[in-house]
Amino acid sequence: MTLSKHSQLFLRLGLAFVFGVFGVDKLFHWPLNVLWSGWIPVWLSVPQLPFLAALGSLEIIAAIFLLLNRFTRLAAFACVLFLAGVVASFGLNDSTVRDIGLIAMALALALQPERKRKEHEEKKIKK
């Protein structure tokens, strides 16, 4: 396994852990979700509990895809969208500074070359 593959593994596992914990926390504290409901912007007029349940479910799905290394690019871009929504809604604060770092991690993972195409190109070069 090359260093590049190691870095992708650590990015995937780190993001999967963060989004898995976020998603599970949203679902297990549901419907007493006072902590997470504070992160729903006031301009977003949606029913809080169903929104948090849906968001938690999507975060768990993204975490599972990252763990299994399936639909990795899609899952990473979903993580970027989740976090960008938080940063755009709440501006720069202690939590969103962390989220900006997570956005960078997710973008690094999402923008890595596709493994199949890269392996195919490497075989061409060896011939």
N, C-alpha and C. Protein backbone atom coordinates (compact mmCIF):
# COMPACT_ATOMS: atom_id res chain seq x y z
N MET A 1 0.85 -1.17 0.00
CA MET A 1 0.00 0.00 0.00
C MET A 1 0.90 1.24 0.00
N THR A 2 0.68 2.13 -0.95
CA THR A 2 1.51 3.33 -1.05
C THR A 2 1.08 4.37 -0.02
N LEU A 3 1.92 5.37 0.15
CA LEU A 3 1.59 6.44 1.09
C LEU A 3 0.31 7.15 0.68
N SER A 4 0.08 7.29 -0.61
CA SER A 4 -1.15 7.93 -1.08
C SER A 4 -2.38 7.15 -0.63
N LYS A 5 -2.30 5.82 -0.71
CA LYS A 5 -3.43 5.00 -0.28
C LYS A 5 -3.62 5.07 1.23
N HIS A 6 -2.51 5.20 1.97
CA HIS A 6 -2.61 5.36 3.42
C HIS A 6 -3.31 6.68 3.75
N SER A 7 -2.95 7.74 3.04
CA SER A 7 -3.56 9.03 3.34
C SER A 7 -5.06 8.99 3.04
N GLN A 8 -5.44 8.33 1.96
CA GLN A 8 -6.86 8.20 1.65
C GLN A 8 -7.58 7.40 2.73
N LEU A 9 -6.95 6.34 3.20
CA LEU A 9 -7.54 5.52 4.26
C LEU A 9 -7.79 6.35 5.52
N PHE A 10 -6.79 7.14 5.93
CA PHE A 10 -6.95 7.95 7.14
C PHE A 10 -7.99 9.04 6.96
N LEU A 11 -8.05 9.63 5.78
CA LEU A 11 -9.10 10.63 5.51
C LEU A 11 -10.48 9.98 5.59
N ARG A 12 -10.63 8.82 4.95
CA ARG A 12 -11.92 8.13 4.97
C ARG A 12 -12.34 7.76 6.38
N LEU A 13 -11.42 7.16 7.14
CA LEU A 13 -11.75 6.71 8.49
C LEU A 13 -12.03 7.89 9.42
N GLY A 14 -11.27 8.96 9.28
CA GLY A 14 -11.49 10.14 10.12
C GLY A 14 -12.85 10.77 9.85
N LEU A 15 -13.17 10.96 8.59
CA LEU A 15 -14.48 11.54 8.25
C LEU A 15 -15.62 10.60 8.60
N ALA A 16 -15.42 9.31 8.39
CA ALA A 16 -16.46 8.34 8.74
C ALA A 16 -16.74 8.38 10.24
N PHE A 17 -15.69 8.49 11.03
CA PHE A 17 -15.87 8.56 12.48
C PHE A 17 -16.66 9.81 12.87
N VAL A 18 -16.25 10.96 12.35
CA VAL A 18 -16.91 12.22 12.71
C VAL A 18 -18.38 12.19 12.30
N PHE A 19 -18.66 11.83 11.05
CA PHE A 19 -20.05 11.86 10.58
C PHE A 19 -20.87 10.72 11.16
N GLY A 20 -20.22 9.60 11.45
CA GLY A 20 -20.95 8.52 12.11
C GLY A 20 -21.38 8.93 13.51
N VAL A 21 -20.48 9.56 14.26
CA VAL A 21 -20.83 10.02 15.60
C VAL A 21 -21.90 11.10 15.54
N PHE A 22 -21.75 12.06 14.62
CA PHE A 22 -22.76 13.11 14.48
C PHE A 22 -24.13 12.51 14.17
N GLY A 23 -24.17 11.60 13.22
CA GLY A 23 -25.45 11.00 12.81
C GLY A 23 -26.08 10.17 13.91
N VAL A 24 -25.28 9.32 14.55
CA VAL A 24 -25.80 8.49 15.63
C VAL A 24 -26.28 9.36 16.79
N ASP A 25 -25.54 10.40 17.09
CA ASP A 25 -25.94 11.30 18.17
C ASP A 25 -27.28 11.98 17.87
N LYS A 26 -27.46 12.39 16.64
CA LYS A 26 -28.74 13.01 16.26
C LYS A 26 -29.90 12.03 16.42
N LEU A 27 -29.68 10.78 16.05
CA LEU A 27 -30.76 9.80 16.12
C LEU A 27 -31.01 9.30 17.53
N PHE A 28 -29.96 9.14 18.33
CA PHE A 28 -30.16 8.61 19.67
C PHE A 28 -30.68 9.65 20.65
N HIS A 29 -30.44 10.91 20.37
CA HIS A 29 -30.99 11.95 21.22
C HIS A 29 -32.33 12.45 20.70
N TRP A 30 -32.82 11.83 19.68
CA TRP A 30 -34.09 12.19 19.07
C TRP A 30 -35.20 11.56 19.89
N PRO A 31 -36.25 12.18 20.24
CA PRO A 31 -36.69 13.52 19.86
C PRO A 31 -36.26 14.61 20.84
N LEU A 32 -35.48 14.29 21.85
CA LEU A 32 -35.01 15.32 22.79
C LEU A 32 -33.72 15.94 22.27
N ASN A 33 -33.78 16.47 21.07
CA ASN A 33 -32.59 16.90 20.36
C ASN A 33 -32.32 18.39 20.53
N VAL A 34 -32.22 18.83 21.76
CA VAL A 34 -32.02 20.25 22.03
C VAL A 34 -30.67 20.72 21.52
N LEU A 35 -29.65 19.89 21.72
CA LEU A 35 -28.30 20.28 21.30
C LEU A 35 -28.23 20.54 19.80
N TRP A 36 -28.72 19.60 19.01
CA TRP A 36 -28.61 19.72 17.55
C TRP A 36 -29.61 20.70 16.97
N SER A 37 -30.76 20.89 17.59
CA SER A 37 -31.75 21.81 17.03
C SER A 37 -31.23 23.24 17.04
N GLY A 38 -30.29 23.55 17.90
CA GLY A 38 -29.68 24.87 17.91
C GLY A 38 -28.84 25.15 16.68
N TRP A 39 -28.48 24.10 15.97
CA TRP A 39 -27.67 24.25 14.75
C TRP A 39 -28.51 24.37 13.49
N ILE A 40 -29.81 24.35 13.62
CA ILE A 40 -30.67 24.58 12.46
C ILE A 40 -30.87 26.08 12.32
N PRO A 41 -30.49 26.67 11.20
CA PRO A 41 -30.63 28.12 11.06
C PRO A 41 -32.09 28.54 11.16
N VAL A 42 -32.32 29.72 11.75
CA VAL A 42 -33.69 30.19 11.94
C VAL A 42 -34.38 30.46 10.60
N TRP A 43 -33.60 30.81 9.57
CA TRP A 43 -34.21 31.11 8.27
C TRP A 43 -34.67 29.83 7.56
N LEU A 44 -34.19 28.68 8.01
CA LEU A 44 -34.59 27.41 7.42
C LEU A 44 -35.85 26.92 8.13
N SER A 45 -36.98 27.23 7.55
CA SER A 45 -38.25 26.91 8.22
C SER A 45 -38.69 25.49 7.88
N VAL A 46 -38.13 24.55 8.64
CA VAL A 46 -38.48 23.13 8.49
C VAL A 46 -38.84 22.60 9.87
N PRO A 47 -39.65 21.56 9.92
CA PRO A 47 -39.90 20.92 11.22
C PRO A 47 -38.58 20.35 11.76
N GLN A 48 -38.21 20.75 12.96
CA GLN A 48 -36.89 20.41 13.48
C GLN A 48 -36.64 18.92 13.63
N LEU A 49 -37.55 18.21 14.26
CA LEU A 49 -37.27 16.79 14.54
C LEU A 49 -37.14 15.94 13.29
N PRO A 50 -38.07 16.06 12.33
CA PRO A 50 -37.88 15.27 11.10
C PRO A 50 -36.62 15.68 10.33
N PHE A 51 -36.30 16.96 10.35
CA PHE A 51 -35.10 17.43 9.65
C PHE A 51 -33.86 16.81 10.29
N LEU A 52 -33.79 16.82 11.62
CA LEU A 52 -32.63 16.25 12.31
C LEU A 52 -32.54 14.74 12.11
N ALA A 53 -33.69 14.07 12.09
CA ALA A 53 -33.68 12.62 11.85
C ALA A 53 -33.18 12.31 10.45
N ALA A 54 -33.63 13.09 9.47
CA ALA A 54 -33.18 12.89 8.09
C ALA A 54 -31.69 13.20 7.95
N LEU A 55 -31.26 14.30 8.54
CA LEU A 55 -29.85 14.68 8.46
C LEU A 55 -28.97 13.64 9.15
N GLY A 56 -29.38 13.18 10.31
CA GLY A 56 -28.62 12.15 11.01
C GLY A 56 -28.52 10.87 10.20
N SER A 57 -29.61 10.50 9.56
CA SER A 57 -29.61 9.30 8.71
C SER A 57 -28.66 9.46 7.53
N LEU A 58 -28.68 10.63 6.90
CA LEU A 58 -27.78 10.89 5.77
C LEU A 58 -26.32 10.89 6.21
N GLU A 59 -26.07 11.41 7.39
CA GLU A 59 -24.69 11.41 7.90
C GLU A 59 -24.21 9.98 8.17
N ILE A 60 -25.08 9.15 8.69
CA ILE A 60 -24.72 7.75 8.92
C ILE A 60 -24.47 7.03 7.60
N ILE A 61 -25.30 7.29 6.61
CA ILE A 61 -25.12 6.68 5.29
C ILE A 61 -23.78 7.11 4.69
N ALA A 62 -23.46 8.41 4.79
CA ALA A 62 -22.17 8.90 4.28
C ALA A 62 -21.02 8.22 5.02
N ALA A 63 -21.15 8.07 6.33
CA ALA A 63 -20.10 7.41 7.12
C ALA A 63 -19.91 5.96 6.70
N ILE A 64 -21.01 5.26 6.46
CA ILE A 64 -20.93 3.86 6.02
C ILE A 64 -20.26 3.77 4.66
N PHE A 65 -20.64 4.64 3.72
CA PHE A 65 -19.99 4.64 2.40
C PHE A 65 -18.49 4.90 2.54
N LEU A 66 -18.12 5.83 3.42
CA LEU A 66 -16.69 6.11 3.61
C LEU A 66 -15.97 4.91 4.21
N LEU A 67 -16.59 4.26 5.18
CA LEU A 67 -15.98 3.08 5.80
C LEU A 67 -15.78 1.95 4.79
N LEU A 68 -16.78 1.74 3.95
CA LEU A 68 -16.73 0.64 2.98
C LEU A 68 -15.97 1.00 1.70
N ASN A 69 -15.55 2.25 1.60
CA ASN A 69 -14.87 2.74 0.40
C ASN A 69 -15.73 2.56 -0.84
N ARG A 70 -17.01 2.84 -0.69
CA ARG A 70 -17.97 2.79 -1.79
C ARG A 70 -18.58 4.17 -1.95
N PHE A 71 -18.74 4.60 -3.17
CA PHE A 71 -19.30 5.93 -3.44
C PHE A 71 -18.56 6.99 -2.60
N THR A 72 -17.25 6.81 -2.50
CA THR A 72 -16.44 7.66 -1.63
C THR A 72 -16.51 9.11 -2.04
N ARG A 73 -16.40 9.37 -3.32
CA ARG A 73 -16.43 10.76 -3.80
C ARG A 73 -17.78 11.40 -3.48
N LEU A 74 -18.86 10.69 -3.71
CA LEU A 74 -20.20 11.20 -3.42
C LEU A 74 -20.35 11.46 -1.92
N ALA A 75 -19.91 10.53 -1.09
CA ALA A 75 -20.01 10.69 0.36
C ALA A 75 -19.18 11.88 0.83
N ALA A 76 -17.99 12.03 0.28
CA ALA A 76 -17.13 13.14 0.68
C ALA A 76 -17.75 14.48 0.28
N PHE A 77 -18.31 14.55 -0.93
CA PHE A 77 -18.97 15.79 -1.35
C PHE A 77 -20.21 16.07 -0.48
N ALA A 78 -20.91 15.03 -0.07
CA ALA A 78 -22.06 15.22 0.84
C ALA A 78 -21.57 15.82 2.16
N CYS A 79 -20.45 15.32 2.66
CA CYS A 79 -19.88 15.87 3.90
C CYS A 79 -19.53 17.35 3.72
N VAL A 80 -18.97 17.68 2.57
CA VAL A 80 -18.65 19.09 2.29
C VAL A 80 -19.92 19.93 2.33
N LEU A 81 -20.99 19.45 1.70
CA LEU A 81 -22.24 20.21 1.68
C LEU A 81 -22.83 20.37 3.08
N PHE A 82 -22.83 19.31 3.88
CA PHE A 82 -23.34 19.39 5.25
C PHE A 82 -22.60 20.49 6.01
N LEU A 83 -21.27 20.43 5.96
CA LEU A 83 -20.45 21.36 6.73
C LEU A 83 -20.49 22.77 6.16
N ALA A 84 -20.51 22.89 4.85
CA ALA A 84 -20.58 24.22 4.24
C ALA A 84 -21.88 24.92 4.63
N GLY A 85 -22.95 24.14 4.74
CA GLY A 85 -24.23 24.72 5.18
C GLY A 85 -24.13 25.28 6.58
N VAL A 86 -23.42 24.58 7.46
CA VAL A 86 -23.24 25.05 8.84
C VAL A 86 -22.40 26.33 8.84
N VAL A 87 -21.28 26.31 8.12
CA VAL A 87 -20.39 27.47 8.10
C VAL A 87 -21.10 28.68 7.49
N ALA A 88 -21.82 28.47 6.40
CA ALA A 88 -22.53 29.58 5.76
C ALA A 88 -23.63 30.14 6.66
N SER A 89 -24.25 29.30 7.44
CA SER A 89 -25.35 29.73 8.30
C SER A 89 -24.89 30.43 9.57
N PHE A 90 -23.74 30.01 10.10
CA PHE A 90 -23.35 30.49 11.43
C PHE A 90 -22.08 31.32 11.45
N GLY A 91 -21.44 31.48 10.29
CA GLY A 91 -20.24 32.31 10.25
C GLY A 91 -19.08 31.67 10.97
N LEU A 92 -18.11 32.49 11.29
CA LEU A 92 -16.88 32.01 11.89
C LEU A 92 -17.00 32.00 13.42
N ASN A 93 -16.93 30.82 13.99
CA ASN A 93 -16.91 30.66 15.45
C ASN A 93 -16.07 29.44 15.78
N ASP A 94 -15.99 29.09 17.04
CA ASP A 94 -15.13 27.96 17.45
C ASP A 94 -15.48 26.67 16.72
N SER A 95 -16.76 26.38 16.57
CA SER A 95 -17.17 25.14 15.92
C SER A 95 -16.97 25.17 14.42
N THR A 96 -17.25 26.30 13.81
CA THR A 96 -17.13 26.35 12.36
C THR A 96 -15.67 26.39 11.90
N VAL A 97 -14.77 26.85 12.76
CA VAL A 97 -13.35 26.77 12.42
C VAL A 97 -12.96 25.30 12.25
N ARG A 98 -13.42 24.46 13.17
CA ARG A 98 -13.19 23.02 13.06
C ARG A 98 -13.83 22.48 11.78
N ASP A 99 -15.05 22.95 11.50
CA ASP A 99 -15.76 22.47 10.32
C ASP A 99 -15.03 22.84 9.03
N ILE A 100 -14.37 23.99 9.01
CA ILE A 100 -13.60 24.37 7.82
C ILE A 100 -12.45 23.38 7.61
N GLY A 101 -11.82 22.94 8.69
CA GLY A 101 -10.78 21.91 8.58
C GLY A 101 -11.34 20.60 8.06
N LEU A 102 -12.53 20.23 8.54
CA LEU A 102 -13.18 19.01 8.05
C LEU A 102 -13.58 19.14 6.58
N ILE A 103 -13.99 20.35 6.17
CA ILE A 103 -14.31 20.59 4.75
C ILE A 103 -13.07 20.34 3.90
N ALA A 104 -11.93 20.84 4.36
CA ALA A 104 -10.68 20.63 3.61
C ALA A 104 -10.35 19.15 3.50
N MET A 105 -10.55 18.39 4.60
CA MET A 105 -10.32 16.95 4.56
C MET A 105 -11.24 16.26 3.56
N ALA A 106 -12.52 16.62 3.61
CA ALA A 106 -13.49 15.99 2.71
C ALA A 106 -13.19 16.35 1.26
N LEU A 107 -12.80 17.59 1.00
CA LEU A 107 -12.45 17.98 -0.37
C LEU A 107 -11.21 17.23 -0.85
N ALA A 108 -10.22 17.08 0.02
CA ALA A 108 -9.01 16.33 -0.36
C ALA A 108 -9.37 14.91 -0.76
N LEU A 109 -10.29 14.31 -0.02
CA LEU A 109 -10.72 12.95 -0.34
C LEU A 109 -11.54 12.92 -1.62
N ALA A 110 -12.46 13.86 -1.77
CA ALA A 110 -13.33 13.87 -2.93
C ALA A 110 -12.59 14.15 -4.23
N LEU A 111 -11.50 14.89 -4.15
CA LEU A 111 -10.78 15.29 -5.35
C LEU A 111 -9.63 14.37 -5.71
N GLN A 112 -9.42 13.31 -4.93
CA GLN A 112 -8.38 12.34 -5.27
C GLN A 112 -8.78 11.61 -6.55
N PRO A 113 -7.79 11.24 -7.35
CA PRO A 113 -8.10 10.52 -8.59
C PRO A 113 -8.84 9.22 -8.29
N GLU A 114 -9.68 8.84 -9.21
CA GLU A 114 -10.40 7.58 -9.06
C GLU A 114 -9.41 6.43 -9.14
N ARG A 115 -9.58 5.46 -8.25
CA ARG A 115 -8.64 4.35 -8.15
C ARG A 115 -8.60 3.52 -9.43
N LYS A 116 -9.73 3.19 -9.99
CA LYS A 116 -9.75 2.33 -11.18
C LYS A 116 -9.04 2.99 -12.35
N ARG A 117 -9.33 4.28 -12.56
CA ARG A 117 -8.69 4.99 -13.67
C ARG A 117 -7.20 5.07 -13.45
N LYS A 118 -6.77 5.35 -12.23
CA LYS A 118 -5.36 5.46 -11.92
C LYS A 118 -4.65 4.13 -12.14
N GLU A 119 -5.25 3.01 -11.69
CA GLU A 119 -4.65 1.69 -11.88
C GLU A 119 -4.55 1.35 -13.37
N HIS A 120 -5.59 1.70 -14.14
CA HIS A 120 -5.57 1.45 -15.57
C HIS A 120 -4.45 2.24 -16.25
N GLU A 121 -4.28 3.50 -15.86
CA GLU A 121 -3.22 4.33 -16.44
C GLU A 121 -1.84 3.79 -16.08
N GLU A 122 -1.70 3.26 -14.84
CA GLU A 122 -0.41 2.70 -14.43
C GLU A 122 -0.09 1.46 -15.25
N LYS A 123 -1.09 0.64 -15.57
CA LYS A 123 -0.85 -0.55 -16.39
C LYS A 123 -0.43 -0.17 -17.79
N LYS A 124 -1.00 0.89 -18.34
CA LYS A 124 -0.64 1.37 -19.67
C LYS A 124 0.83 1.80 -19.70
N ILE A 125 1.24 2.50 -18.65
CA ILE A 125 2.60 3.01 -18.59
C ILE A 125 3.60 1.86 -18.52
N LYS A 126 3.28 0.81 -17.79
CA LYS A 126 4.19 -0.34 -17.64
C LYS A 126 4.37 -1.10 -18.95
N LYS A 127 3.37 -1.05 -19.84
CA LYS A 127 3.47 -1.79 -21.12
C LYS A 127 4.41 -1.13 -22.02
